[in-house]
Amino acid sequence: MRSRHHAERIKQVRRASRRLVTIGACATAGGVQALKNFADVEDFVSIVYASPDYISTLEASTPISAHVPVDFELHGCPISKRQLLEVITAFLHGRRPGIPSTSVCMECKRRGNVCVMVAHGTPCLGPVTHAGCGAICPAYNRGCYGCFGPMETPNTVSLTKQLKVLGMGDRAVDRVFRTFNVTAFEEARRG
């Protein structure tokens, strides 16, 4: 949620809805625009926009759940169409969606991927990221970027220690966690 207009609009949507499902990293975690939460918003506005006087923005980019009650959050950037169909089907049948709460590492194992952190020393958020992408990045020998946000019980402390063993400093570790789901990962890291 990044503007006062959006905050008011989602309250109207919530009042008019029997179920409210947030879809994607922007809706569930504030999205990549939440990077502004770690800097002076006025500086960003003056640099990005030619006429900053016309810009109305909240001080922080927040998930929709910070403004209204949400019935289910479907994570991802982009989301999984398989998971979206599961959510729609589940609500149509009056049941809770059966979205797995495992990490991307489980998807790597199912695909037969070699662990990029162990084999290549590549930083990877797979151990703390919610499954759903099919482990696309690790399948191409790249570390997971955390597109699906943190899993239900992420052990970010342990992963941070491992990233430091790989030679990353505090700033580099912060950068790894501050991508599509920055707000959700920062909350998970605070515990």
N, C-alpha and C. Protein backbone atom coordinates (compact mmCIF):
# COMPACT_ATOMS: atom_id res chain seq x y z
N MET A 1 0.86 -1.16 0.00
CA MET A 1 0.00 0.00 0.00
C MET A 1 0.90 1.22 0.00
N ARG A 2 0.76 2.06 -1.00
CA ARG A 2 1.70 3.16 -1.08
C ARG A 2 1.07 4.55 -1.10
N SER A 3 -0.27 4.64 -1.21
CA SER A 3 -0.88 5.98 -1.20
C SER A 3 -2.11 6.01 -0.31
N ARG A 4 -2.49 7.20 0.10
CA ARG A 4 -3.69 7.36 0.93
C ARG A 4 -4.92 6.89 0.16
N HIS A 5 -4.94 7.16 -1.13
CA HIS A 5 -6.06 6.72 -1.97
C HIS A 5 -6.18 5.19 -1.94
N HIS A 6 -5.07 4.49 -2.07
CA HIS A 6 -5.09 3.02 -2.02
C HIS A 6 -5.58 2.53 -0.67
N ALA A 7 -5.15 3.17 0.41
CA ALA A 7 -5.55 2.76 1.76
C ALA A 7 -7.06 2.92 1.94
N GLU A 8 -7.61 4.01 1.45
CA GLU A 8 -9.07 4.22 1.55
C GLU A 8 -9.82 3.25 0.65
N ARG A 9 -9.31 3.02 -0.54
CA ARG A 9 -9.97 2.12 -1.49
C ARG A 9 -10.02 0.69 -0.96
N ILE A 10 -8.95 0.22 -0.34
CA ILE A 10 -8.96 -1.16 0.15
C ILE A 10 -9.94 -1.32 1.32
N LYS A 11 -10.16 -0.27 2.08
CA LYS A 11 -11.17 -0.32 3.15
C LYS A 11 -12.56 -0.48 2.55
N GLN A 12 -12.83 0.21 1.44
CA GLN A 12 -14.11 0.07 0.74
C GLN A 12 -14.27 -1.35 0.20
N VAL A 13 -13.20 -1.87 -0.40
CA VAL A 13 -13.23 -3.23 -0.95
C VAL A 13 -13.50 -4.24 0.17
N ARG A 14 -12.85 -4.07 1.30
CA ARG A 14 -13.03 -5.00 2.43
C ARG A 14 -14.48 -4.98 2.90
N ARG A 15 -15.07 -3.80 3.03
CA ARG A 15 -16.47 -3.69 3.49
C ARG A 15 -17.44 -4.37 2.53
N ALA A 16 -17.12 -4.35 1.24
CA ALA A 16 -18.01 -4.89 0.22
C ALA A 16 -17.74 -6.37 -0.09
N SER A 17 -16.75 -6.96 0.56
CA SER A 17 -16.33 -8.32 0.20
C SER A 17 -16.60 -9.33 1.31
N ARG A 18 -17.01 -10.51 0.90
CA ARG A 18 -17.15 -11.61 1.85
C ARG A 18 -15.77 -12.19 2.16
N ARG A 19 -14.93 -12.31 1.14
CA ARG A 19 -13.57 -12.80 1.29
C ARG A 19 -12.62 -11.82 0.62
N LEU A 20 -11.47 -11.60 1.25
CA LEU A 20 -10.45 -10.74 0.66
C LEU A 20 -9.14 -11.53 0.61
N VAL A 21 -8.68 -11.76 -0.60
CA VAL A 21 -7.42 -12.48 -0.82
C VAL A 21 -6.45 -11.50 -1.45
N THR A 22 -5.30 -11.33 -0.82
CA THR A 22 -4.27 -10.48 -1.42
C THR A 22 -3.40 -11.35 -2.32
N ILE A 23 -3.07 -10.79 -3.48
CA ILE A 23 -2.37 -11.57 -4.50
C ILE A 23 -1.09 -10.86 -4.91
N GLY A 24 0.04 -11.53 -4.70
CA GLY A 24 1.33 -11.02 -5.14
C GLY A 24 2.10 -10.28 -4.06
N ALA A 25 3.39 -10.09 -4.31
CA ALA A 25 4.30 -9.48 -3.34
C ALA A 25 3.91 -8.05 -2.97
N CYS A 26 3.40 -7.29 -3.91
CA CYS A 26 3.01 -5.90 -3.60
C CYS A 26 1.87 -5.89 -2.59
N ALA A 27 0.90 -6.75 -2.78
CA ALA A 27 -0.26 -6.79 -1.89
C ALA A 27 0.04 -7.47 -0.55
N THR A 28 0.88 -8.49 -0.56
CA THR A 28 1.14 -9.25 0.67
C THR A 28 2.30 -8.71 1.50
N ALA A 29 3.20 -7.95 0.87
CA ALA A 29 4.40 -7.50 1.61
C ALA A 29 4.82 -6.06 1.28
N GLY A 30 4.01 -5.34 0.54
CA GLY A 30 4.41 -3.97 0.19
C GLY A 30 5.24 -3.87 -1.07
N GLY A 31 5.70 -5.00 -1.60
CA GLY A 31 6.44 -5.03 -2.85
C GLY A 31 7.80 -4.36 -2.81
N VAL A 32 8.41 -4.29 -3.98
CA VAL A 32 9.74 -3.72 -4.09
C VAL A 32 9.74 -2.23 -3.74
N GLN A 33 8.58 -1.57 -3.91
CA GLN A 33 8.52 -0.16 -3.55
C GLN A 33 8.69 0.06 -2.04
N ALA A 34 8.62 -1.01 -1.24
CA ALA A 34 8.85 -0.88 0.20
C ALA A 34 10.31 -0.58 0.53
N LEU A 35 11.18 -0.62 -0.47
CA LEU A 35 12.56 -0.22 -0.24
C LEU A 35 12.63 1.24 0.22
N LYS A 36 11.61 2.01 -0.13
CA LYS A 36 11.58 3.40 0.33
C LYS A 36 11.47 3.50 1.85
N ASN A 37 11.05 2.42 2.49
CA ASN A 37 10.91 2.41 3.94
C ASN A 37 12.25 2.56 4.66
N PHE A 38 13.34 2.40 3.93
CA PHE A 38 14.67 2.47 4.52
C PHE A 38 15.42 3.74 4.13
N ALA A 39 14.69 4.72 3.62
CA ALA A 39 15.29 5.98 3.20
C ALA A 39 14.28 7.10 3.39
N ASP A 40 14.68 8.30 3.07
CA ASP A 40 13.80 9.45 3.15
C ASP A 40 12.89 9.47 1.93
N VAL A 41 11.59 9.36 2.15
CA VAL A 41 10.61 9.29 1.07
C VAL A 41 10.67 10.53 0.19
N GLU A 42 10.84 11.69 0.79
CA GLU A 42 10.89 12.93 0.02
C GLU A 42 12.06 12.94 -0.96
N ASP A 43 13.18 12.36 -0.56
CA ASP A 43 14.32 12.25 -1.47
C ASP A 43 13.97 11.41 -2.69
N PHE A 44 13.32 10.25 -2.46
CA PHE A 44 12.93 9.40 -3.57
C PHE A 44 11.97 10.13 -4.51
N VAL A 45 10.96 10.77 -3.93
CA VAL A 45 9.95 11.46 -4.74
C VAL A 45 10.59 12.54 -5.59
N SER A 46 11.49 13.32 -5.01
CA SER A 46 12.11 14.41 -5.76
C SER A 46 13.03 13.91 -6.87
N ILE A 47 13.61 12.73 -6.70
CA ILE A 47 14.52 12.17 -7.70
C ILE A 47 13.74 11.47 -8.82
N VAL A 48 12.68 10.74 -8.46
CA VAL A 48 11.96 9.90 -9.41
C VAL A 48 10.97 10.68 -10.27
N TYR A 49 10.29 11.66 -9.69
CA TYR A 49 9.21 12.34 -10.40
C TYR A 49 9.60 13.75 -10.85
N ALA A 50 9.22 14.09 -12.07
CA ALA A 50 9.51 15.42 -12.62
C ALA A 50 8.75 16.51 -11.86
N SER A 51 7.53 16.20 -11.42
CA SER A 51 6.70 17.16 -10.67
C SER A 51 6.29 16.54 -9.34
N PRO A 52 7.19 16.51 -8.37
CA PRO A 52 6.90 15.84 -7.10
C PRO A 52 5.75 16.46 -6.31
N ASP A 53 5.37 17.69 -6.64
CA ASP A 53 4.27 18.34 -5.93
C ASP A 53 2.95 17.59 -6.11
N TYR A 54 2.83 16.84 -7.20
CA TYR A 54 1.58 16.12 -7.49
C TYR A 54 1.54 14.71 -6.89
N ILE A 55 2.57 14.31 -6.21
CA ILE A 55 2.67 12.95 -5.68
C ILE A 55 2.16 12.91 -4.25
N SER A 56 1.25 11.97 -4.02
CA SER A 56 0.73 11.73 -2.67
C SER A 56 1.10 10.30 -2.30
N THR A 57 1.93 10.15 -1.30
CA THR A 57 2.38 8.82 -0.91
C THR A 57 2.41 8.68 0.60
N LEU A 58 2.22 7.47 1.07
CA LEU A 58 2.35 7.19 2.49
C LEU A 58 3.84 7.18 2.84
N GLU A 59 4.15 7.38 4.09
CA GLU A 59 5.56 7.37 4.53
C GLU A 59 6.21 6.00 4.27
N ALA A 60 5.42 4.94 4.41
CA ALA A 60 5.95 3.59 4.23
C ALA A 60 5.04 2.79 3.30
N SER A 61 5.62 1.90 2.55
CA SER A 61 4.86 0.97 1.73
C SER A 61 4.56 -0.24 2.60
N THR A 62 3.31 -0.61 2.70
CA THR A 62 2.89 -1.66 3.63
C THR A 62 2.02 -2.70 2.93
N PRO A 63 1.92 -3.89 3.52
CA PRO A 63 1.01 -4.89 2.96
C PRO A 63 -0.44 -4.47 3.23
N ILE A 64 -1.35 -4.99 2.44
CA ILE A 64 -2.77 -4.68 2.64
C ILE A 64 -3.23 -5.10 4.02
N SER A 65 -2.68 -6.20 4.54
CA SER A 65 -3.08 -6.70 5.87
C SER A 65 -2.76 -5.72 6.99
N ALA A 66 -1.94 -4.73 6.73
CA ALA A 66 -1.66 -3.70 7.74
C ALA A 66 -2.81 -2.69 7.83
N HIS A 67 -3.74 -2.75 6.87
CA HIS A 67 -4.84 -1.80 6.81
C HIS A 67 -6.21 -2.42 7.05
N VAL A 68 -6.39 -3.66 6.62
CA VAL A 68 -7.68 -4.35 6.77
C VAL A 68 -7.43 -5.84 7.02
N PRO A 69 -8.40 -6.54 7.63
CA PRO A 69 -8.26 -7.99 7.78
C PRO A 69 -8.27 -8.68 6.40
N VAL A 70 -7.40 -9.66 6.25
CA VAL A 70 -7.26 -10.40 5.00
C VAL A 70 -7.55 -11.87 5.28
N ASP A 71 -8.31 -12.51 4.40
CA ASP A 71 -8.67 -13.92 4.58
C ASP A 71 -7.57 -14.88 4.14
N PHE A 72 -6.80 -14.48 3.15
CA PHE A 72 -5.71 -15.34 2.67
C PHE A 72 -4.74 -14.48 1.88
N GLU A 73 -3.45 -14.80 2.00
CA GLU A 73 -2.41 -14.12 1.24
C GLU A 73 -1.77 -15.10 0.27
N LEU A 74 -1.80 -14.75 -1.00
CA LEU A 74 -1.16 -15.57 -2.03
C LEU A 74 0.13 -14.86 -2.43
N HIS A 75 1.24 -15.43 -2.04
CA HIS A 75 2.55 -14.81 -2.23
C HIS A 75 3.09 -15.05 -3.63
N GLY A 76 4.10 -14.27 -3.98
CA GLY A 76 4.81 -14.47 -5.24
C GLY A 76 4.93 -13.22 -6.07
N CYS A 77 6.00 -13.17 -6.84
CA CYS A 77 6.22 -12.10 -7.80
C CYS A 77 6.97 -12.71 -8.98
N PRO A 78 6.23 -13.27 -9.92
CA PRO A 78 4.78 -13.35 -10.04
C PRO A 78 4.22 -14.51 -9.23
N ILE A 79 2.90 -14.53 -9.06
CA ILE A 79 2.26 -15.62 -8.34
C ILE A 79 2.26 -16.88 -9.20
N SER A 80 1.95 -17.99 -8.57
CA SER A 80 1.83 -19.27 -9.28
C SER A 80 0.38 -19.44 -9.72
N LYS A 81 0.15 -19.68 -11.01
CA LYS A 81 -1.22 -19.87 -11.48
C LYS A 81 -1.84 -21.11 -10.84
N ARG A 82 -1.02 -22.13 -10.58
CA ARG A 82 -1.51 -23.33 -9.91
C ARG A 82 -2.03 -22.99 -8.52
N GLN A 83 -1.27 -22.15 -7.80
CA GLN A 83 -1.71 -21.75 -6.46
C GLN A 83 -2.96 -20.87 -6.53
N LEU A 84 -3.03 -20.00 -7.52
CA LEU A 84 -4.22 -19.15 -7.66
C LEU A 84 -5.46 -20.00 -7.89
N LEU A 85 -5.36 -20.99 -8.77
CA LEU A 85 -6.50 -21.89 -9.01
C LEU A 85 -6.88 -22.64 -7.74
N GLU A 86 -5.91 -23.05 -6.96
CA GLU A 86 -6.18 -23.73 -5.69
C GLU A 86 -6.93 -22.82 -4.73
N VAL A 87 -6.53 -21.56 -4.63
CA VAL A 87 -7.19 -20.61 -3.73
C VAL A 87 -8.64 -20.39 -4.16
N ILE A 88 -8.86 -20.16 -5.45
CA ILE A 88 -10.22 -19.93 -5.95
C ILE A 88 -11.09 -21.16 -5.71
N THR A 89 -10.57 -22.33 -6.07
CA THR A 89 -11.31 -23.59 -5.89
C THR A 89 -11.64 -23.82 -4.41
N ALA A 90 -10.67 -23.60 -3.55
CA ALA A 90 -10.88 -23.81 -2.11
C ALA A 90 -11.99 -22.92 -1.58
N PHE A 91 -11.96 -21.65 -1.92
CA PHE A 91 -13.00 -20.74 -1.41
C PHE A 91 -14.36 -21.05 -2.02
N LEU A 92 -14.41 -21.46 -3.27
CA LEU A 92 -15.69 -21.85 -3.88
C LEU A 92 -16.29 -23.07 -3.20
N HIS A 93 -15.42 -23.95 -2.67
CA HIS A 93 -15.88 -25.16 -1.99
C HIS A 93 -15.93 -25.01 -0.47
N GLY A 94 -15.68 -23.80 0.02
CA GLY A 94 -15.79 -23.54 1.45
C GLY A 94 -14.71 -24.17 2.31
N ARG A 95 -13.54 -24.34 1.75
CA ARG A 95 -12.43 -24.91 2.53
C ARG A 95 -11.23 -23.97 2.49
N ARG A 96 -10.29 -24.23 3.36
CA ARG A 96 -9.05 -23.45 3.40
C ARG A 96 -8.14 -23.89 2.24
N PRO A 97 -7.49 -22.96 1.55
CA PRO A 97 -6.59 -23.34 0.45
C PRO A 97 -5.45 -24.25 0.93
N GLY A 98 -5.14 -25.24 0.13
CA GLY A 98 -4.06 -26.18 0.44
C GLY A 98 -2.75 -25.77 -0.21
N ILE A 99 -2.22 -24.65 0.22
CA ILE A 99 -0.95 -24.16 -0.31
C ILE A 99 0.15 -24.65 0.63
N PRO A 100 1.16 -25.36 0.12
CA PRO A 100 2.20 -25.90 1.00
C PRO A 100 2.96 -24.79 1.73
N SER A 101 3.37 -25.09 2.95
CA SER A 101 4.10 -24.11 3.76
C SER A 101 5.60 -24.43 3.79
N THR A 102 6.04 -25.24 2.86
CA THR A 102 7.45 -25.62 2.82
C THR A 102 8.30 -24.55 2.13
N SER A 103 9.60 -24.77 2.15
CA SER A 103 10.53 -23.81 1.54
C SER A 103 10.87 -24.21 0.10
N VAL A 104 11.53 -23.30 -0.58
CA VAL A 104 12.01 -23.56 -1.94
C VAL A 104 12.98 -24.74 -1.94
N CYS A 105 13.69 -24.95 -0.84
CA CYS A 105 14.62 -26.10 -0.77
C CYS A 105 13.89 -27.42 -1.05
N MET A 106 12.67 -27.54 -0.59
CA MET A 106 11.91 -28.77 -0.85
C MET A 106 11.63 -28.90 -2.35
N GLU A 107 11.36 -27.79 -3.01
CA GLU A 107 11.15 -27.83 -4.46
C GLU A 107 12.45 -28.21 -5.17
N CYS A 108 13.58 -27.73 -4.68
CA CYS A 108 14.87 -28.11 -5.26
C CYS A 108 15.09 -29.61 -5.15
N LYS A 109 14.78 -30.15 -4.00
CA LYS A 109 14.96 -31.59 -3.79
C LYS A 109 14.07 -32.38 -4.74
N ARG A 110 12.81 -31.96 -4.89
CA ARG A 110 11.89 -32.66 -5.80
C ARG A 110 12.37 -32.60 -7.24
N ARG A 111 13.00 -31.50 -7.63
CA ARG A 111 13.51 -31.35 -9.01
C ARG A 111 14.86 -32.03 -9.20
N GLY A 112 15.52 -32.37 -8.11
CA GLY A 112 16.85 -32.96 -8.20
C GLY A 112 17.94 -31.92 -8.37
N ASN A 113 17.65 -30.68 -8.00
CA ASN A 113 18.66 -29.61 -8.08
C ASN A 113 19.76 -29.82 -7.05
N VAL A 114 20.95 -29.48 -7.43
CA VAL A 114 22.07 -29.44 -6.49
C VAL A 114 21.95 -28.13 -5.73
N CYS A 115 22.20 -28.15 -4.43
CA CYS A 115 22.11 -26.93 -3.61
C CYS A 115 23.19 -25.94 -4.05
N VAL A 116 22.77 -24.77 -4.51
CA VAL A 116 23.73 -23.79 -5.02
C VAL A 116 24.59 -23.19 -3.92
N MET A 117 24.07 -23.16 -2.69
CA MET A 117 24.89 -22.63 -1.58
C MET A 117 25.98 -23.62 -1.22
N VAL A 118 25.62 -24.88 -1.15
CA VAL A 118 26.60 -25.90 -0.75
C VAL A 118 27.60 -26.17 -1.87
N ALA A 119 27.10 -26.35 -3.09
CA ALA A 119 27.97 -26.73 -4.21
C ALA A 119 28.79 -25.58 -4.78
N HIS A 120 28.21 -24.36 -4.80
CA HIS A 120 28.88 -23.25 -5.47
C HIS A 120 29.17 -22.05 -4.58
N GLY A 121 28.65 -22.06 -3.33
CA GLY A 121 28.83 -20.91 -2.45
C GLY A 121 28.01 -19.71 -2.87
N THR A 122 26.92 -19.96 -3.59
CA THR A 122 26.05 -18.89 -4.08
C THR A 122 25.03 -18.51 -3.02
N PRO A 123 24.92 -17.23 -2.65
CA PRO A 123 23.89 -16.82 -1.69
C PRO A 123 22.50 -17.20 -2.21
N CYS A 124 21.66 -17.74 -1.32
CA CYS A 124 20.36 -18.24 -1.73
C CYS A 124 19.36 -18.08 -0.59
N LEU A 125 18.19 -17.54 -0.88
CA LEU A 125 17.14 -17.39 0.14
C LEU A 125 16.21 -18.60 0.17
N GLY A 126 16.50 -19.63 -0.61
CA GLY A 126 15.66 -20.83 -0.66
C GLY A 126 15.30 -21.43 0.69
N PRO A 127 16.23 -21.50 1.64
CA PRO A 127 15.90 -22.12 2.93
C PRO A 127 14.82 -21.38 3.73
N VAL A 128 14.60 -20.09 3.44
CA VAL A 128 13.62 -19.31 4.22
C VAL A 128 12.46 -18.81 3.36
N THR A 129 12.43 -19.16 2.08
CA THR A 129 11.41 -18.65 1.16
C THR A 129 10.30 -19.66 0.95
N HIS A 130 9.09 -19.15 0.93
CA HIS A 130 7.89 -19.95 0.72
C HIS A 130 7.94 -20.61 -0.65
N ALA A 131 7.61 -21.89 -0.72
CA ALA A 131 7.58 -22.63 -1.98
C ALA A 131 6.49 -22.10 -2.90
N GLY A 132 6.64 -22.34 -4.19
CA GLY A 132 5.61 -21.95 -5.14
C GLY A 132 6.13 -21.69 -6.53
N CYS A 133 7.41 -21.38 -6.63
CA CYS A 133 7.99 -21.03 -7.93
C CYS A 133 8.48 -22.25 -8.70
N GLY A 134 8.61 -23.39 -8.02
CA GLY A 134 9.18 -24.56 -8.67
C GLY A 134 10.69 -24.55 -8.68
N ALA A 135 11.30 -23.71 -7.83
CA ALA A 135 12.76 -23.60 -7.73
C ALA A 135 13.41 -23.23 -9.05
N ILE A 136 12.84 -22.24 -9.70
CA ILE A 136 13.33 -21.83 -11.03
C ILE A 136 14.78 -21.35 -10.97
N CYS A 137 15.07 -20.41 -10.08
CA CYS A 137 16.43 -19.84 -10.05
C CYS A 137 17.49 -20.90 -9.73
N PRO A 138 17.31 -21.69 -8.67
CA PRO A 138 18.33 -22.72 -8.39
C PRO A 138 18.47 -23.74 -9.53
N ALA A 139 17.40 -23.97 -10.28
CA ALA A 139 17.49 -24.90 -11.41
C ALA A 139 18.47 -24.39 -12.47
N TYR A 140 18.72 -23.08 -12.47
CA TYR A 140 19.67 -22.47 -13.40
C TYR A 140 20.94 -21.99 -12.69
N ASN A 141 21.25 -22.67 -11.57
CA ASN A 141 22.45 -22.40 -10.76
C ASN A 141 22.52 -20.96 -10.24
N ARG A 142 21.36 -20.38 -9.97
CA ARG A 142 21.30 -19.05 -9.35
C ARG A 142 20.64 -19.20 -7.99
N GLY A 143 21.01 -18.35 -7.06
CA GLY A 143 20.38 -18.37 -5.75
C GLY A 143 18.96 -17.86 -5.83
N CYS A 144 18.11 -18.33 -4.92
CA CYS A 144 16.72 -17.88 -4.82
C CYS A 144 16.71 -16.42 -4.37
N TYR A 145 15.86 -15.62 -4.99
CA TYR A 145 15.73 -14.20 -4.65
C TYR A 145 14.62 -13.93 -3.65
N GLY A 146 13.88 -14.96 -3.25
CA GLY A 146 12.82 -14.77 -2.26
C GLY A 146 11.54 -14.21 -2.85
N CYS A 147 11.25 -14.49 -4.10
CA CYS A 147 10.07 -13.93 -4.78
C CYS A 147 8.75 -14.29 -4.10
N PHE A 148 8.71 -15.41 -3.39
CA PHE A 148 7.47 -15.85 -2.75
C PHE A 148 7.42 -15.48 -1.27
N GLY A 149 8.35 -14.66 -0.83
CA GLY A 149 8.33 -14.20 0.56
C GLY A 149 8.73 -15.29 1.54
N PRO A 150 8.82 -14.91 2.81
CA PRO A 150 9.26 -15.89 3.81
C PRO A 150 8.22 -16.98 4.04
N MET A 151 8.72 -18.19 4.28
CA MET A 151 7.84 -19.30 4.62
C MET A 151 7.28 -19.06 6.03
N GLU A 152 6.42 -19.93 6.52
CA GLU A 152 5.75 -19.70 7.81
C GLU A 152 6.71 -19.58 8.99
N THR A 153 7.73 -20.39 9.04
CA THR A 153 8.68 -20.34 10.15
C THR A 153 10.11 -20.26 9.62
N PRO A 154 10.47 -19.12 9.04
CA PRO A 154 11.81 -19.01 8.45
C PRO A 154 12.89 -18.85 9.52
N ASN A 155 13.96 -19.58 9.37
CA ASN A 155 15.08 -19.45 10.30
C ASN A 155 16.09 -18.49 9.66
N THR A 156 15.76 -17.21 9.70
CA THR A 156 16.60 -16.19 9.08
C THR A 156 17.91 -16.00 9.83
N VAL A 157 17.91 -16.28 11.13
CA VAL A 157 19.14 -16.15 11.92
C VAL A 157 20.19 -17.14 11.41
N SER A 158 19.77 -18.39 11.23
CA SER A 158 20.69 -19.42 10.74
C SER A 158 21.17 -19.11 9.32
N LEU A 159 20.23 -18.68 8.45
CA LEU A 159 20.63 -18.36 7.08
C LEU A 159 21.60 -17.18 7.06
N THR A 160 21.35 -16.18 7.89
CA THR A 160 22.25 -15.02 7.96
C THR A 160 23.66 -15.47 8.34
N LYS A 161 23.76 -16.36 9.31
CA LYS A 161 25.08 -16.89 9.72
C LYS A 161 25.75 -17.58 8.54
N GLN A 162 24.98 -18.37 7.79
CA GLN A 162 25.55 -19.09 6.64
C GLN A 162 25.99 -18.12 5.55
N LEU A 163 25.21 -17.07 5.31
CA LEU A 163 25.60 -16.07 4.31
C LEU A 163 26.90 -15.38 4.71
N LYS A 164 27.08 -15.18 6.00
CA LYS A 164 28.33 -14.56 6.48
C LYS A 164 29.50 -15.52 6.33
N VAL A 165 29.24 -16.83 6.50
CA VAL A 165 30.29 -17.83 6.26
C VAL A 165 30.74 -17.77 4.80
N LEU A 166 29.80 -17.44 3.91
CA LEU A 166 30.14 -17.32 2.48
C LEU A 166 30.91 -16.04 2.19
N GLY A 167 31.13 -15.21 3.23
CA GLY A 167 31.92 -14.00 3.05
C GLY A 167 31.12 -12.71 2.92
N MET A 168 29.83 -12.77 3.17
CA MET A 168 29.01 -11.57 3.03
C MET A 168 29.06 -10.74 4.31
N GLY A 169 29.14 -9.44 4.16
CA GLY A 169 29.07 -8.52 5.30
C GLY A 169 27.62 -8.17 5.60
N ASP A 170 27.40 -7.39 6.64
CA ASP A 170 26.05 -7.02 7.05
C ASP A 170 25.26 -6.32 5.94
N ARG A 171 25.90 -5.38 5.25
CA ARG A 171 25.20 -4.66 4.17
C ARG A 171 24.82 -5.59 3.03
N ALA A 172 25.69 -6.50 2.68
CA ALA A 172 25.40 -7.45 1.61
C ALA A 172 24.25 -8.38 2.01
N VAL A 173 24.24 -8.80 3.26
CA VAL A 173 23.14 -9.66 3.75
C VAL A 173 21.82 -8.88 3.69
N ASP A 174 21.84 -7.63 4.13
CA ASP A 174 20.63 -6.80 4.04
C ASP A 174 20.13 -6.71 2.61
N ARG A 175 21.04 -6.52 1.66
CA ARG A 175 20.65 -6.42 0.24
C ARG A 175 20.00 -7.70 -0.27
N VAL A 176 20.50 -8.86 0.18
CA VAL A 176 19.93 -10.13 -0.25
C VAL A 176 18.47 -10.25 0.21
N PHE A 177 18.20 -9.81 1.43
CA PHE A 177 16.84 -9.91 1.97
C PHE A 177 15.92 -8.80 1.47
N ARG A 178 16.45 -7.72 0.94
CA ARG A 178 15.64 -6.56 0.56
C ARG A 178 15.35 -6.56 -0.94
N THR A 179 14.41 -7.43 -1.33
CA THR A 179 14.00 -7.48 -2.73
C THR A 179 12.48 -7.37 -2.80
N PHE A 180 11.83 -8.25 -3.51
CA PHE A 180 10.40 -8.20 -3.77
C PHE A 180 9.53 -8.21 -2.51
N ASN A 181 9.99 -8.85 -1.48
CA ASN A 181 9.22 -9.02 -0.24
C ASN A 181 9.94 -8.41 0.94
N VAL A 182 10.53 -7.25 0.75
CA VAL A 182 11.37 -6.62 1.76
C VAL A 182 10.68 -6.49 3.11
N THR A 183 9.42 -6.03 3.13
CA THR A 183 8.72 -5.83 4.40
C THR A 183 8.54 -7.15 5.14
N ALA A 184 8.13 -8.19 4.43
CA ALA A 184 7.91 -9.49 5.06
C ALA A 184 9.22 -10.10 5.56
N PHE A 185 10.29 -9.97 4.79
CA PHE A 185 11.58 -10.53 5.25
C PHE A 185 12.13 -9.73 6.42
N GLU A 186 11.97 -8.42 6.42
CA GLU A 186 12.45 -7.62 7.55
C GLU A 186 11.70 -7.99 8.83
N GLU A 187 10.40 -8.22 8.70
CA GLU A 187 9.60 -8.65 9.86
C GLU A 187 10.07 -10.03 10.34
N ALA A 188 10.32 -10.94 9.43
CA ALA A 188 10.79 -12.28 9.78
C ALA A 188 12.16 -12.21 10.46
N ARG A 189 13.02 -11.30 10.02
CA ARG A 189 14.35 -11.19 10.60
C ARG A 189 14.29 -10.60 12.01
N ARG A 190 13.29 -9.76 12.28
CA ARG A 190 13.11 -9.22 13.63
C ARG A 190 12.57 -10.26 14.57
N GLY A 191 11.90 -11.28 13.99
CA GLY A 191 11.37 -12.39 14.78
C GLY A 191 10.17 -12.01 15.51
